Amino acid sequence: MALIGLVRVSTDKQNTQRQRDVLDPICLKVFEEKVSGKLATDDRPALLNALSHIRDGDLLTVQEVDRLGRNLLEGLIVLNDLFQRGVGVKVLEGIAAGEHTERSLILDLALALAEDRRRDITRKTKNGLEAARKRGRVGGRRPVVDDDKRAAILARRQRGESIRTIAAGVKVSIGVVHKTITDARLDTQRAIAADEDTVR
């Protein structure tokens, strides 16, 4: 019997190392995907590749059962599909830890708890951002463009450089350059409007 590992995160920006640290030492091969767990099995190439390596008696192995799907419904759809294909699942951590060849109450419960935990994190994050906003602080990611980069972008644009050239030179995305130029234009228009109101 061999263990075939599956690592999943939803986006490219998420780190897979924690799952890798658990799966790499014990699995014959580990497949990694950075896709939403809401996709059906046939729309997940890494999962399909993992299944193609599984032989009779092998187990698809995940750190926690919610790596198969991001919520109860989606996780159950994938599990049911796997079981219908004759593929067993080994879960390493959480209340569903163990080997599974058919749907069970403990798998349902593990997926439901994972969904509830995710919903709770989302709610707390939203509440925290709202509280910070009321105190005059804006949460979220740090801006990509600091004052120096902003000045460089605007100076290069004034010299007639294209957005693509500026992006390469300042080492930011084309979208960031476009937004910086647009924001600067809007700031200028607001300043002119404010001056006109003052003159009147």
N, C-alpha and C. Protein backbone atom coordinates (compact mmCIF):
# COMPACT_ATOMS: atom_id res chain seq x y z
N MET A 1 0.84 -1.20 0.00
CA MET A 1 0.00 0.00 0.00
C MET A 1 0.88 1.25 0.00
N ALA A 2 0.53 2.21 -0.85
CA ALA A 2 1.28 3.47 -0.91
C ALA A 2 0.34 4.62 -0.60
N LEU A 3 0.92 5.69 -0.08
CA LEU A 3 0.16 6.91 0.17
C LEU A 3 0.50 7.92 -0.92
N ILE A 4 -0.54 8.44 -1.58
CA ILE A 4 -0.39 9.48 -2.59
C ILE A 4 -0.96 10.76 -2.00
N GLY A 5 -0.11 11.77 -1.85
CA GLY A 5 -0.52 12.98 -1.14
C GLY A 5 -1.15 14.03 -2.04
N LEU A 6 -2.04 14.80 -1.44
CA LEU A 6 -2.65 15.95 -2.13
C LEU A 6 -2.55 17.17 -1.22
N VAL A 7 -1.92 18.21 -1.74
CA VAL A 7 -1.82 19.49 -1.05
C VAL A 7 -2.70 20.47 -1.80
N ARG A 8 -3.54 21.21 -1.10
CA ARG A 8 -4.37 22.20 -1.79
C ARG A 8 -4.46 23.49 -1.00
N VAL A 9 -4.29 24.61 -1.71
CA VAL A 9 -4.65 25.93 -1.21
C VAL A 9 -5.48 26.60 -2.30
N SER A 10 -6.20 27.64 -1.95
CA SER A 10 -7.15 28.23 -2.89
C SER A 10 -6.53 29.21 -3.87
N THR A 11 -5.41 29.86 -3.46
CA THR A 11 -4.83 30.87 -4.34
C THR A 11 -3.31 30.74 -4.39
N ASP A 12 -2.69 31.37 -5.40
CA ASP A 12 -1.24 31.35 -5.55
C ASP A 12 -0.52 32.00 -4.38
N LYS A 13 -1.20 32.90 -3.67
CA LYS A 13 -0.54 33.64 -2.61
C LYS A 13 -0.46 32.87 -1.30
N GLN A 14 -1.18 31.75 -1.22
CA GLN A 14 -1.16 30.97 0.01
C GLN A 14 0.00 29.98 0.00
N ASN A 15 0.54 29.72 1.19
CA ASN A 15 1.71 28.86 1.33
C ASN A 15 1.29 27.41 1.56
N THR A 16 1.97 26.49 0.90
CA THR A 16 1.65 25.07 1.03
C THR A 16 2.64 24.33 1.94
N GLN A 17 3.61 25.06 2.50
CA GLN A 17 4.70 24.40 3.22
C GLN A 17 4.21 23.58 4.42
N ARG A 18 3.23 24.08 5.15
CA ARG A 18 2.75 23.35 6.34
C ARG A 18 2.20 21.98 5.94
N GLN A 19 1.44 21.93 4.85
CA GLN A 19 0.93 20.64 4.38
C GLN A 19 2.06 19.77 3.85
N ARG A 20 3.00 20.40 3.15
CA ARG A 20 4.15 19.67 2.59
C ARG A 20 4.97 19.00 3.70
N ASP A 21 5.17 19.72 4.79
CA ASP A 21 5.97 19.20 5.90
C ASP A 21 5.38 17.91 6.46
N VAL A 22 4.06 17.80 6.40
CA VAL A 22 3.38 16.61 6.93
C VAL A 22 3.36 15.49 5.90
N LEU A 23 3.12 15.81 4.63
CA LEU A 23 2.91 14.80 3.61
C LEU A 23 4.19 14.26 2.96
N ASP A 24 5.15 15.14 2.70
CA ASP A 24 6.35 14.73 1.97
C ASP A 24 7.08 13.53 2.59
N PRO A 25 7.24 13.48 3.94
CA PRO A 25 8.01 12.37 4.51
C PRO A 25 7.33 11.00 4.40
N ILE A 26 6.00 10.96 4.22
CA ILE A 26 5.30 9.67 4.28
C ILE A 26 4.68 9.24 2.95
N CYS A 27 4.62 10.14 1.98
CA CYS A 27 3.93 9.82 0.73
C CYS A 27 4.91 9.44 -0.38
N LEU A 28 4.49 8.49 -1.19
CA LEU A 28 5.29 8.09 -2.35
C LEU A 28 5.44 9.26 -3.31
N LYS A 29 4.36 10.01 -3.49
CA LYS A 29 4.36 11.19 -4.36
C LYS A 29 3.32 12.16 -3.82
N VAL A 30 3.61 13.45 -3.94
CA VAL A 30 2.68 14.48 -3.47
C VAL A 30 2.33 15.41 -4.62
N PHE A 31 1.05 15.62 -4.83
CA PHE A 31 0.57 16.53 -5.88
C PHE A 31 0.06 17.79 -5.22
N GLU A 32 0.32 18.92 -5.86
CA GLU A 32 -0.05 20.20 -5.28
C GLU A 32 -0.95 20.97 -6.23
N GLU A 33 -2.01 21.55 -5.67
CA GLU A 33 -2.90 22.37 -6.49
C GLU A 33 -3.21 23.66 -5.77
N LYS A 34 -3.35 24.72 -6.56
CA LYS A 34 -3.73 26.03 -6.03
C LYS A 34 -5.00 26.45 -6.74
N VAL A 35 -6.09 25.81 -6.34
CA VAL A 35 -7.39 26.08 -6.93
C VAL A 35 -8.44 26.05 -5.84
N SER A 36 -9.58 26.62 -6.13
CA SER A 36 -10.68 26.60 -5.19
C SER A 36 -11.18 25.17 -4.99
N GLY A 37 -11.49 24.84 -3.73
CA GLY A 37 -12.04 23.52 -3.45
C GLY A 37 -13.45 23.33 -3.94
N LYS A 38 -14.05 24.40 -4.50
CA LYS A 38 -15.43 24.27 -4.98
C LYS A 38 -15.51 23.60 -6.34
N LEU A 39 -14.36 23.40 -6.99
CA LEU A 39 -14.37 22.78 -8.30
C LEU A 39 -14.61 21.28 -8.20
N ALA A 40 -15.30 20.74 -9.18
CA ALA A 40 -15.54 19.30 -9.22
C ALA A 40 -14.23 18.57 -9.50
N THR A 41 -14.19 17.30 -9.19
CA THR A 41 -12.97 16.50 -9.36
C THR A 41 -12.40 16.62 -10.77
N ASP A 42 -13.26 16.53 -11.79
CA ASP A 42 -12.79 16.56 -13.18
C ASP A 42 -12.23 17.92 -13.59
N ASP A 43 -12.44 18.96 -12.78
CA ASP A 43 -11.91 20.29 -13.08
C ASP A 43 -10.67 20.61 -12.26
N ARG A 44 -10.11 19.59 -11.61
CA ARG A 44 -8.93 19.79 -10.76
C ARG A 44 -7.80 18.89 -11.26
N PRO A 45 -6.95 19.41 -12.16
CA PRO A 45 -5.91 18.60 -12.80
C PRO A 45 -4.97 17.90 -11.82
N ALA A 46 -4.56 18.59 -10.74
CA ALA A 46 -3.64 17.97 -9.79
C ALA A 46 -4.30 16.79 -9.08
N LEU A 47 -5.58 16.94 -8.75
CA LEU A 47 -6.31 15.84 -8.12
C LEU A 47 -6.43 14.67 -9.08
N LEU A 48 -6.72 14.96 -10.34
CA LEU A 48 -6.81 13.90 -11.35
C LEU A 48 -5.46 13.20 -11.54
N ASN A 49 -4.37 13.97 -11.51
CA ASN A 49 -3.04 13.37 -11.61
C ASN A 49 -2.75 12.45 -10.44
N ALA A 50 -3.16 12.90 -9.25
CA ALA A 50 -2.97 12.07 -8.05
C ALA A 50 -3.73 10.76 -8.20
N LEU A 51 -4.98 10.86 -8.68
CA LEU A 51 -5.80 9.66 -8.84
C LEU A 51 -5.20 8.70 -9.86
N SER A 52 -4.55 9.25 -10.89
CA SER A 52 -3.97 8.38 -11.93
C SER A 52 -2.79 7.58 -11.39
N HIS A 53 -2.18 8.03 -10.28
CA HIS A 53 -1.05 7.32 -9.68
C HIS A 53 -1.49 6.31 -8.63
N ILE A 54 -2.76 6.33 -8.29
CA ILE A 54 -3.24 5.43 -7.24
C ILE A 54 -3.53 4.05 -7.80
N ARG A 55 -2.99 3.03 -7.15
CA ARG A 55 -3.24 1.64 -7.51
C ARG A 55 -4.10 1.00 -6.42
N ASP A 56 -4.57 -0.21 -6.68
CA ASP A 56 -5.41 -0.91 -5.70
C ASP A 56 -4.71 -0.94 -4.34
N GLY A 57 -5.45 -0.50 -3.34
CA GLY A 57 -4.90 -0.51 -1.98
C GLY A 57 -4.22 0.78 -1.58
N ASP A 58 -3.87 1.63 -2.55
CA ASP A 58 -3.26 2.92 -2.23
C ASP A 58 -4.32 3.86 -1.64
N LEU A 59 -3.84 4.88 -0.95
CA LEU A 59 -4.77 5.84 -0.35
C LEU A 59 -4.40 7.27 -0.75
N LEU A 60 -5.39 8.05 -1.13
CA LEU A 60 -5.20 9.47 -1.34
C LEU A 60 -5.09 10.10 0.05
N THR A 61 -4.01 10.83 0.29
CA THR A 61 -3.72 11.31 1.65
C THR A 61 -3.73 12.83 1.71
N VAL A 62 -4.44 13.37 2.70
CA VAL A 62 -4.51 14.82 2.91
C VAL A 62 -4.22 15.12 4.38
N GLN A 63 -3.73 16.33 4.62
CA GLN A 63 -3.46 16.70 6.01
C GLN A 63 -4.76 16.75 6.81
N GLU A 64 -5.75 17.48 6.26
CA GLU A 64 -7.06 17.55 6.89
C GLU A 64 -8.12 17.37 5.81
N VAL A 65 -9.28 16.90 6.19
CA VAL A 65 -10.29 16.54 5.20
C VAL A 65 -10.77 17.73 4.38
N ASP A 66 -10.69 18.95 4.93
CA ASP A 66 -11.17 20.11 4.17
C ASP A 66 -10.23 20.50 3.03
N ARG A 67 -9.08 19.82 2.89
CA ARG A 67 -8.22 20.03 1.72
C ARG A 67 -8.88 19.46 0.46
N LEU A 68 -9.87 18.60 0.65
CA LEU A 68 -10.59 18.03 -0.50
C LEU A 68 -11.64 18.99 -1.03
N GLY A 69 -12.22 19.79 -0.15
CA GLY A 69 -13.24 20.77 -0.53
C GLY A 69 -13.36 21.81 0.55
N ARG A 70 -13.74 23.02 0.17
CA ARG A 70 -13.67 24.12 1.14
C ARG A 70 -14.87 24.20 2.07
N ASN A 71 -15.94 23.47 1.77
CA ASN A 71 -17.07 23.46 2.69
C ASN A 71 -17.72 22.08 2.68
N LEU A 72 -18.75 21.93 3.48
CA LEU A 72 -19.39 20.62 3.65
C LEU A 72 -19.86 20.03 2.33
N LEU A 73 -20.63 20.79 1.57
CA LEU A 73 -21.19 20.27 0.32
C LEU A 73 -20.10 19.88 -0.67
N GLU A 74 -19.14 20.80 -0.87
CA GLU A 74 -18.10 20.54 -1.87
C GLU A 74 -17.19 19.39 -1.46
N GLY A 75 -16.89 19.31 -0.15
CA GLY A 75 -16.07 18.21 0.34
C GLY A 75 -16.77 16.87 0.16
N LEU A 76 -18.07 16.85 0.41
CA LEU A 76 -18.83 15.60 0.26
C LEU A 76 -18.91 15.16 -1.20
N ILE A 77 -19.06 16.14 -2.09
CA ILE A 77 -19.12 15.80 -3.52
C ILE A 77 -17.82 15.11 -3.95
N VAL A 78 -16.67 15.66 -3.53
CA VAL A 78 -15.38 15.07 -3.90
C VAL A 78 -15.22 13.69 -3.24
N LEU A 79 -15.57 13.60 -1.95
CA LEU A 79 -15.44 12.31 -1.26
C LEU A 79 -16.31 11.24 -1.91
N ASN A 80 -17.56 11.59 -2.21
CA ASN A 80 -18.45 10.62 -2.86
C ASN A 80 -17.88 10.17 -4.20
N ASP A 81 -17.32 11.12 -4.94
CA ASP A 81 -16.72 10.79 -6.24
C ASP A 81 -15.55 9.83 -6.06
N LEU A 82 -14.70 10.12 -5.07
CA LEU A 82 -13.54 9.26 -4.82
C LEU A 82 -13.98 7.85 -4.44
N PHE A 83 -14.95 7.76 -3.54
CA PHE A 83 -15.41 6.45 -3.08
C PHE A 83 -16.04 5.66 -4.22
N GLN A 84 -16.77 6.36 -5.11
CA GLN A 84 -17.37 5.68 -6.26
C GLN A 84 -16.30 5.15 -7.22
N ARG A 85 -15.15 5.83 -7.24
CA ARG A 85 -14.03 5.38 -8.08
C ARG A 85 -13.24 4.26 -7.40
N GLY A 86 -13.63 3.94 -6.17
CA GLY A 86 -12.91 2.90 -5.42
C GLY A 86 -11.65 3.40 -4.76
N VAL A 87 -11.54 4.72 -4.57
CA VAL A 87 -10.34 5.32 -3.97
C VAL A 87 -10.59 5.58 -2.48
N GLY A 88 -9.70 5.05 -1.64
CA GLY A 88 -9.78 5.31 -0.21
C GLY A 88 -9.03 6.59 0.13
N VAL A 89 -9.39 7.20 1.26
CA VAL A 89 -8.80 8.46 1.68
C VAL A 89 -8.20 8.31 3.08
N LYS A 90 -6.99 8.81 3.23
CA LYS A 90 -6.35 8.84 4.55
C LYS A 90 -6.24 10.29 5.00
N VAL A 91 -6.81 10.61 6.15
CA VAL A 91 -6.75 11.95 6.73
C VAL A 91 -5.79 11.89 7.91
N LEU A 92 -4.83 12.82 7.95
CA LEU A 92 -3.78 12.75 8.96
C LEU A 92 -4.10 13.50 10.25
N GLU A 93 -4.88 14.57 10.15
CA GLU A 93 -5.13 15.40 11.33
C GLU A 93 -6.62 15.74 11.45
N GLY A 94 -7.02 16.17 12.64
CA GLY A 94 -8.41 16.55 12.87
C GLY A 94 -9.25 15.38 13.37
N ILE A 95 -10.52 15.63 13.59
CA ILE A 95 -11.37 14.59 14.17
C ILE A 95 -11.62 13.43 13.21
N ALA A 96 -11.38 13.67 11.92
CA ALA A 96 -11.59 12.61 10.92
C ALA A 96 -10.31 11.85 10.61
N ALA A 97 -9.26 12.02 11.44
CA ALA A 97 -7.99 11.35 11.20
C ALA A 97 -8.21 9.84 11.11
N GLY A 98 -7.64 9.23 10.08
CA GLY A 98 -7.79 7.80 9.87
C GLY A 98 -8.01 7.48 8.41
N GLU A 99 -8.28 6.20 8.13
CA GLU A 99 -8.51 5.75 6.76
C GLU A 99 -10.00 5.58 6.51
N HIS A 100 -10.45 6.03 5.34
CA HIS A 100 -11.88 6.00 5.01
C HIS A 100 -12.08 5.44 3.60
N THR A 101 -13.03 4.54 3.47
CA THR A 101 -13.38 3.99 2.15
C THR A 101 -14.84 4.25 1.82
N GLU A 102 -15.56 4.89 2.75
CA GLU A 102 -16.95 5.25 2.50
C GLU A 102 -17.34 6.43 3.37
N ARG A 103 -18.41 7.07 2.99
CA ARG A 103 -18.87 8.24 3.72
C ARG A 103 -19.28 7.84 5.13
N SER A 104 -19.01 8.72 6.09
CA SER A 104 -19.35 8.44 7.49
C SER A 104 -19.73 9.72 8.20
N LEU A 105 -20.33 9.57 9.34
CA LEU A 105 -20.75 10.73 10.14
C LEU A 105 -19.56 11.58 10.54
N ILE A 106 -18.44 10.94 10.86
CA ILE A 106 -17.26 11.68 11.31
C ILE A 106 -16.69 12.55 10.19
N LEU A 107 -16.74 12.06 8.94
CA LEU A 107 -16.29 12.88 7.81
C LEU A 107 -17.22 14.07 7.61
N ASP A 108 -18.53 13.82 7.67
CA ASP A 108 -19.51 14.90 7.54
C ASP A 108 -19.28 15.96 8.61
N LEU A 109 -19.05 15.49 9.84
CA LEU A 109 -18.87 16.41 10.96
C LEU A 109 -17.59 17.22 10.80
N ALA A 110 -16.51 16.58 10.36
CA ALA A 110 -15.23 17.28 10.18
C ALA A 110 -15.36 18.38 9.13
N LEU A 111 -16.04 18.09 8.03
CA LEU A 111 -16.24 19.09 6.99
C LEU A 111 -17.13 20.22 7.47
N ALA A 112 -18.18 19.88 8.23
CA ALA A 112 -19.09 20.91 8.76
C ALA A 112 -18.36 21.83 9.73
N LEU A 113 -17.51 21.25 10.58
CA LEU A 113 -16.74 22.07 11.54
C LEU A 113 -15.74 22.96 10.82
N ALA A 114 -15.11 22.44 9.77
CA ALA A 114 -14.16 23.25 8.99
C ALA A 114 -14.87 24.43 8.34
N GLU A 115 -16.05 24.18 7.80
CA GLU A 115 -16.83 25.25 7.18
C GLU A 115 -17.21 26.30 8.22
N ASP A 116 -17.62 25.84 9.40
CA ASP A 116 -18.01 26.77 10.46
C ASP A 116 -16.81 27.60 10.92
N ARG A 117 -15.64 26.95 11.02
CA ARG A 117 -14.42 27.65 11.43
C ARG A 117 -14.06 28.72 10.41
N ARG A 118 -14.17 28.39 9.13
CA ARG A 118 -13.85 29.34 8.07
C ARG A 118 -14.81 30.53 8.10
N ARG A 119 -16.09 30.25 8.32
CA ARG A 119 -17.09 31.30 8.40
C ARG A 119 -16.82 32.23 9.59
N ASP A 120 -16.39 31.63 10.71
CA ASP A 120 -16.08 32.40 11.92
C ASP A 120 -14.89 33.32 11.69
N ILE A 121 -13.85 32.80 11.00
CA ILE A 121 -12.67 33.62 10.70
C ILE A 121 -13.05 34.79 9.80
N THR A 122 -13.88 34.52 8.79
CA THR A 122 -14.32 35.57 7.88
C THR A 122 -15.09 36.66 8.63
N ARG A 123 -15.98 36.22 9.52
CA ARG A 123 -16.78 37.18 10.28
C ARG A 123 -15.91 38.04 11.19
N LYS A 124 -14.95 37.41 11.88
CA LYS A 124 -14.07 38.15 12.78
C LYS A 124 -13.19 39.14 12.02
N THR A 125 -12.71 38.72 10.86
CA THR A 125 -11.89 39.61 10.03
C THR A 125 -12.70 40.83 9.60
N LYS A 126 -13.94 40.57 9.15
CA LYS A 126 -14.82 41.65 8.72
C LYS A 126 -15.12 42.61 9.87
N ASN A 127 -15.41 42.05 11.06
CA ASN A 127 -15.71 42.87 12.23
C ASN A 127 -14.49 43.70 12.65
N GLY A 128 -13.30 43.08 12.56
CA GLY A 128 -12.07 43.79 12.92
C GLY A 128 -11.79 44.95 11.99
N LEU A 129 -11.98 44.73 10.68
CA LEU A 129 -11.78 45.81 9.71
C LEU A 129 -12.78 46.94 9.91
N GLU A 130 -14.02 46.57 10.23
CA GLU A 130 -15.06 47.57 10.45
C GLU A 130 -14.75 48.41 11.69
N ALA A 131 -14.28 47.74 12.76
CA ALA A 131 -13.92 48.45 13.99
C ALA A 131 -12.74 49.40 13.74
N ALA A 132 -11.76 48.93 12.98
CA ALA A 132 -10.59 49.77 12.66
C ALA A 132 -11.01 50.97 11.83
N ARG A 133 -11.94 50.76 10.90
CA ARG A 133 -12.43 51.84 10.04
C ARG A 133 -13.10 52.93 10.88
N LYS A 134 -13.87 52.49 11.88
CA LYS A 134 -14.56 53.46 12.76
C LYS A 134 -13.57 54.27 13.58
N ARG A 135 -12.40 53.68 13.85
CA ARG A 135 -11.36 54.40 14.61
C ARG A 135 -10.47 55.23 13.68
N GLY A 136 -10.81 55.22 12.39
CA GLY A 136 -10.05 56.01 11.43
C GLY A 136 -8.90 55.29 10.79
N ARG A 137 -8.79 53.99 11.06
CA ARG A 137 -7.72 53.21 10.44
C ARG A 137 -8.31 52.33 9.35
N VAL A 138 -7.61 52.23 8.26
CA VAL A 138 -8.07 51.39 7.16
C VAL A 138 -7.22 50.13 7.14
N GLY A 139 -7.88 48.99 7.27
CA GLY A 139 -7.17 47.71 7.26
C GLY A 139 -6.86 47.28 5.86
N GLY A 140 -6.37 46.06 5.75
CA GLY A 140 -6.06 45.51 4.43
C GLY A 140 -4.57 45.51 4.15
N ARG A 141 -4.23 45.16 2.93
CA ARG A 141 -2.82 45.03 2.56
C ARG A 141 -2.13 46.38 2.49
N ARG A 142 -0.85 46.38 2.77
CA ARG A 142 -0.03 47.58 2.65
C ARG A 142 0.02 47.97 1.17
N PRO A 143 -0.07 49.28 0.87
CA PRO A 143 -0.05 49.68 -0.53
C PRO A 143 1.24 49.28 -1.23
N VAL A 144 1.12 48.92 -2.52
CA VAL A 144 2.27 48.49 -3.30
C VAL A 144 3.18 49.67 -3.60
N VAL A 145 2.60 50.87 -3.74
CA VAL A 145 3.35 52.05 -4.15
C VAL A 145 3.58 52.99 -2.97
N ASP A 146 4.84 53.18 -2.61
CA ASP A 146 5.16 54.17 -1.58
C ASP A 146 5.35 55.53 -2.27
N ASP A 147 5.66 56.55 -1.48
CA ASP A 147 5.76 57.90 -2.03
C ASP A 147 6.84 58.02 -3.11
N ASP A 148 7.97 57.33 -2.89
CA ASP A 148 9.08 57.40 -3.85
C ASP A 148 8.68 56.78 -5.19
N LYS A 149 8.04 55.60 -5.12
CA LYS A 149 7.62 54.94 -6.36
C LYS A 149 6.55 55.75 -7.07
N ARG A 150 5.65 56.34 -6.30
CA ARG A 150 4.59 57.17 -6.89
C ARG A 150 5.21 58.34 -7.65
N ALA A 151 6.19 58.99 -7.01
CA ALA A 151 6.85 60.13 -7.65
C ALA A 151 7.58 59.69 -8.93
N ALA A 152 8.22 58.52 -8.87
CA ALA A 152 8.94 58.01 -10.04
C ALA A 152 7.98 57.70 -11.18
N ILE A 153 6.85 57.09 -10.85
CA ILE A 153 5.84 56.76 -11.87
C ILE A 153 5.34 58.02 -12.56
N LEU A 154 4.98 59.02 -11.76
CA LEU A 154 4.42 60.26 -12.32
C LEU A 154 5.46 61.04 -13.13
N ALA A 155 6.71 61.02 -12.65
CA ALA A 155 7.77 61.73 -13.39
C ALA A 155 8.04 61.06 -14.74
N ARG A 156 8.08 59.73 -14.74
CA ARG A 156 8.30 59.01 -15.99
C ARG A 156 7.14 59.23 -16.96
N ARG A 157 5.93 59.28 -16.42
CA ARG A 157 4.76 59.49 -17.27
C ARG A 157 4.81 60.88 -17.90
N GLN A 158 5.26 61.84 -17.11
CA GLN A 158 5.37 63.22 -17.61
C GLN A 158 6.39 63.31 -18.75
N ARG A 159 7.39 62.43 -18.69
CA ARG A 159 8.40 62.40 -19.75
C ARG A 159 7.89 61.66 -20.98
N GLY A 160 6.67 61.12 -20.91
CA GLY A 160 6.06 60.47 -22.06
C GLY A 160 6.28 58.97 -22.16
N GLU A 161 6.79 58.35 -21.10
CA GLU A 161 7.01 56.90 -21.13
C GLU A 161 5.68 56.16 -21.12
N SER A 162 5.64 55.01 -21.76
CA SER A 162 4.42 54.19 -21.78
C SER A 162 4.21 53.53 -20.42
N ILE A 163 2.98 53.14 -20.16
CA ILE A 163 2.66 52.48 -18.89
C ILE A 163 3.47 51.20 -18.73
N ARG A 164 3.62 50.44 -19.81
CA ARG A 164 4.37 49.18 -19.76
C ARG A 164 5.84 49.42 -19.41
N THR A 165 6.43 50.46 -20.01
CA THR A 165 7.84 50.79 -19.74
C THR A 165 8.02 51.23 -18.29
N ILE A 166 7.07 52.04 -17.81
CA ILE A 166 7.14 52.51 -16.42
C ILE A 166 7.05 51.33 -15.46
N ALA A 167 6.12 50.42 -15.73
CA ALA A 167 5.93 49.26 -14.86
C ALA A 167 7.21 48.44 -14.75
N ALA A 168 7.87 48.22 -15.89
CA ALA A 168 9.11 47.45 -15.90
C ALA A 168 10.22 48.19 -15.15
N GLY A 169 10.27 49.51 -15.33
CA GLY A 169 11.32 50.30 -14.71
C GLY A 169 11.17 50.43 -13.20
N VAL A 170 9.93 50.58 -12.74
CA VAL A 170 9.68 50.78 -11.31
C VAL A 170 9.46 49.45 -10.59
N LYS A 171 9.31 48.36 -11.40
CA LYS A 171 9.10 47.01 -10.87
C LYS A 171 7.78 46.87 -10.11
N VAL A 172 6.72 47.34 -10.77
CA VAL A 172 5.35 47.11 -10.28
C VAL A 172 4.51 46.65 -11.47
N SER A 173 3.28 46.24 -11.19
CA SER A 173 2.43 45.77 -12.29
C SER A 173 1.90 46.94 -13.12
N ILE A 174 1.46 46.61 -14.33
CA ILE A 174 0.85 47.62 -15.21
C ILE A 174 -0.38 48.21 -14.54
N GLY A 175 -1.16 47.37 -13.85
CA GLY A 175 -2.36 47.84 -13.16
C GLY A 175 -2.05 48.88 -12.10
N VAL A 176 -0.95 48.66 -11.36
CA VAL A 176 -0.55 49.60 -10.31
C VAL A 176 -0.16 50.94 -10.92
N VAL A 177 0.57 50.91 -12.04
CA VAL A 177 0.96 52.14 -12.71
C VAL A 177 -0.28 52.90 -13.18
N HIS A 178 -1.20 52.17 -13.80
CA HIS A 178 -2.42 52.78 -14.32
C HIS A 178 -3.22 53.43 -13.19
N LYS A 179 -3.34 52.72 -12.06
CA LYS A 179 -4.10 53.25 -10.93
C LYS A 179 -3.43 54.49 -10.33
N THR A 180 -2.11 54.44 -10.23
CA THR A 180 -1.38 55.58 -9.67
C THR A 180 -1.57 56.83 -10.53
N ILE A 181 -1.48 56.67 -11.86
CA ILE A 181 -1.67 57.81 -12.78
C ILE A 181 -3.10 58.32 -12.71
N THR A 182 -4.07 57.40 -12.68
CA THR A 182 -5.48 57.79 -12.62
C THR A 182 -5.78 58.53 -11.32
N ASP A 183 -5.26 58.01 -10.20
CA ASP A 183 -5.49 58.65 -8.89
C ASP A 183 -4.88 60.05 -8.86
N ALA A 184 -3.70 60.19 -9.46
CA ALA A 184 -3.04 61.50 -9.48
C ALA A 184 -3.86 62.49 -10.30
N ARG A 185 -4.40 62.01 -11.43
CA ARG A 185 -5.23 62.87 -12.28
C ARG A 185 -6.48 63.33 -11.52
N LEU A 186 -7.10 62.40 -10.80
CA LEU A 186 -8.30 62.73 -10.03
C LEU A 186 -7.97 63.73 -8.92
N ASP A 187 -6.81 63.52 -8.26
CA ASP A 187 -6.40 64.46 -7.20
C ASP A 187 -6.22 65.87 -7.77
N THR A 188 -5.63 65.95 -8.96
CA THR A 188 -5.43 67.25 -9.61
C THR A 188 -6.76 67.91 -9.94
N GLN A 189 -7.69 67.12 -10.47
CA GLN A 189 -9.02 67.65 -10.82
C GLN A 189 -9.76 68.15 -9.57
N ARG A 190 -9.63 67.39 -8.47
CA ARG A 190 -10.29 67.83 -7.22
C ARG A 190 -9.68 69.13 -6.72
N ALA A 191 -8.35 69.25 -6.81
CA ALA A 191 -7.67 70.45 -6.35
C ALA A 191 -8.09 71.66 -7.16
N ILE A 192 -8.21 71.48 -8.49
CA ILE A 192 -8.63 72.58 -9.38
C ILE A 192 -10.07 72.98 -9.05
N ALA A 193 -10.93 71.99 -8.83
CA ALA A 193 -12.33 72.28 -8.48
C ALA A 193 -12.41 73.02 -7.17
N ALA A 194 -11.57 72.62 -6.19
CA ALA A 194 -11.59 73.29 -4.88
C ALA A 194 -11.14 74.73 -5.03
N ASP A 195 -10.13 74.99 -5.86
CA ASP A 195 -9.64 76.36 -6.08
C ASP A 195 -10.72 77.22 -6.72
N GLU A 196 -11.42 76.64 -7.70
CA GLU A 196 -12.50 77.37 -8.39
C GLU A 196 -13.60 77.74 -7.40
N ASP A 197 -13.92 76.81 -6.49
CA ASP A 197 -14.95 77.09 -5.49
C ASP A 197 -14.51 78.22 -4.56
N THR A 198 -13.21 78.24 -4.26
CA THR A 198 -12.69 79.28 -3.38
C THR A 198 -12.76 80.65 -4.04
N VAL A 199 -12.43 80.72 -5.35
CA VAL A 199 -12.48 81.98 -6.12
C VAL A 199 -13.91 82.51 -6.18
N ARG A 200 -14.88 81.62 -6.39
CA ARG A 200 -16.28 82.02 -6.46
C ARG A 200 -16.72 82.58 -5.12
